[in-house]
Amino acid sequence: MIKKHLEEHAPKGCTVKVSLQDTGNPFLTPIDSPMIQKAAEAYQNVYGKAPVYKREGGSIPIVSDFSQSLNAPVVLMGFGLPDENLHAPNEHFNLENFDKGILTICSFLELLKK
């Protein structure tokens, strides 16, 4: 669909060449999943505020494979902020979020025992 759209909207005199490089199945863990709710509780425990759910694209093809092969929920927990320029030449990671990220994951693992 993307290839077709680009071809249909290419400026006059331009050609479009689209090559498939990597593929991966889409994946989404529902917000109401018990595992996501435990992750949200862990964020609340450490940051003192409820998390904001954002649907963002990414490419971690193995996530869908894990979910299907293991028949288990997958939870992706992020700790970087938008101004940290993930994967950019000037990428950085705030040490406070590094520390709080560790505490959040520990809280999440503790919540899984309940």
Protein backbone atom coordinates (compact mmCIF):
# COMPACT_ATOMS: atom_id res chain seq x y z
CA MET A 1 0.00 0.00 0.00
CA ILE A 2 2.85 2.38 0.79
CA LYS A 3 4.58 1.60 -2.51
CA LYS A 4 1.35 2.22 -4.42
CA HIS A 5 0.74 5.49 -2.57
CA LEU A 6 4.26 6.75 -3.25
CA GLU A 7 4.04 5.83 -6.92
CA GLU A 8 0.70 7.57 -7.29
CA HIS A 9 1.97 10.75 -5.62
CA ALA A 10 5.47 10.98 -7.07
CA PRO A 11 6.21 14.35 -8.67
CA LYS A 12 6.22 14.41 -12.46
CA GLY A 13 9.54 13.19 -13.84
CA CYS A 14 10.43 11.24 -10.69
CA THR A 15 10.49 7.50 -10.38
CA VAL A 16 9.94 5.62 -7.17
CA LYS A 17 11.84 2.48 -6.27
CA VAL A 18 10.77 0.63 -3.14
CA SER A 19 12.81 -2.33 -1.88
CA LEU A 20 11.73 -4.57 0.94
CA GLN A 21 14.57 -4.89 3.45
CA ASP A 22 13.19 -6.22 6.72
CA THR A 23 9.85 -7.60 7.73
CA GLY A 24 8.17 -8.31 11.00
CA ASN A 25 4.63 -8.94 12.08
CA PRO A 26 2.80 -6.13 13.84
CA PHE A 27 2.31 -6.51 17.56
CA LEU A 28 0.13 -4.85 20.16
CA THR A 29 -0.46 -5.75 23.80
CA PRO A 30 -3.90 -4.49 24.83
CA ILE A 31 -3.86 -1.73 27.46
CA ASP A 32 -6.27 -3.72 29.61
CA SER A 33 -3.94 -6.73 29.70
CA PRO A 34 -3.19 -7.76 33.31
CA MET A 35 0.53 -7.59 32.55
CA ILE A 36 0.26 -4.04 31.22
CA GLN A 37 -1.75 -3.08 34.29
CA LYS A 38 1.03 -4.44 36.53
CA ALA A 39 3.58 -2.48 34.51
CA ALA A 40 1.46 0.65 34.95
CA GLU A 41 1.33 0.02 38.69
CA ALA A 42 5.13 -0.33 38.75
CA TYR A 43 5.54 3.02 36.98
CA GLN A 44 3.10 4.58 39.46
CA ASN A 45 5.09 3.11 42.37
CA VAL A 46 8.37 4.64 41.21
CA TYR A 47 7.41 7.85 39.41
CA GLY A 48 4.42 8.69 41.62
CA LYS A 49 2.17 9.28 38.62
CA ALA A 50 0.04 7.11 36.40
CA PRO A 51 1.63 6.41 33.02
CA VAL A 52 0.30 7.89 29.80
CA TYR A 53 -0.38 5.24 27.17
CA LYS A 54 1.11 6.18 23.81
CA ARG A 55 0.88 4.06 20.72
CA GLU A 56 4.16 4.45 18.90
CA GLY A 57 5.63 2.52 16.06
CA GLY A 58 8.84 0.60 16.34
CA SER A 59 10.59 -2.31 14.80
CA ILE A 60 11.43 -5.17 17.10
CA PRO A 61 10.31 -8.11 14.92
CA ILE A 62 11.17 -10.71 17.57
CA VAL A 63 8.44 -9.38 19.90
CA SER A 64 5.63 -10.89 17.85
CA ASP A 65 7.59 -14.13 17.53
CA PHE A 66 8.08 -14.30 21.31
CA SER A 67 4.39 -13.74 21.91
CA GLN A 68 3.35 -16.44 19.44
CA SER A 69 6.03 -19.00 20.26
CA LEU A 70 5.79 -18.66 24.02
CA ASN A 71 2.04 -18.02 24.09
CA ALA A 72 2.78 -15.34 26.68
CA PRO A 73 2.06 -11.64 26.97
CA VAL A 74 4.85 -9.25 26.06
CA VAL A 75 5.37 -5.98 27.90
CA LEU A 76 7.68 -3.31 26.49
CA MET A 77 8.63 -0.68 29.06
CA GLY A 78 10.34 2.52 27.97
CA PHE A 79 12.25 5.00 30.08
CA GLY A 80 13.72 7.42 27.55
CA LEU A 81 12.29 10.86 26.95
CA PRO A 82 11.62 12.45 23.55
CA ASP A 83 14.38 15.04 23.96
CA GLU A 84 16.97 12.30 24.47
CA ASN A 85 17.05 11.76 20.68
CA LEU A 86 16.90 7.96 20.60
CA HIS A 87 19.18 6.54 17.87
CA ALA A 88 20.32 10.02 16.79
CA PRO A 89 23.98 11.08 16.68
CA ASN A 90 23.46 13.16 19.83
CA GLU A 91 21.51 10.47 21.70
CA HIS A 92 21.75 10.53 25.49
CA PHE A 93 19.95 8.95 28.42
CA ASN A 94 19.20 10.79 31.62
CA LEU A 95 20.79 8.92 34.54
CA GLU A 96 17.76 9.61 36.74
CA ASN A 97 15.62 7.69 34.25
CA PHE A 98 18.22 4.93 34.15
CA ASP A 99 18.00 4.57 37.94
CA LYS A 100 14.22 4.88 38.01
CA GLY A 101 13.97 2.41 35.14
CA ILE A 102 15.80 -0.20 37.20
CA LEU A 103 13.52 0.49 40.18
CA THR A 104 10.43 0.29 37.95
CA ILE A 105 11.46 -3.08 36.52
CA CYS A 106 12.17 -4.36 40.04
CA SER A 107 8.72 -3.16 41.15
CA PHE A 108 7.16 -4.84 38.10
CA LEU A 109 8.88 -8.15 38.89
CA GLU A 110 7.71 -7.92 42.51
CA LEU A 111 4.15 -7.28 41.35
CA LEU A 112 4.30 -10.37 39.14
CA LYS A 113 4.76 -12.52 42.25
CA LYS A 114 1.35 -11.43 43.58
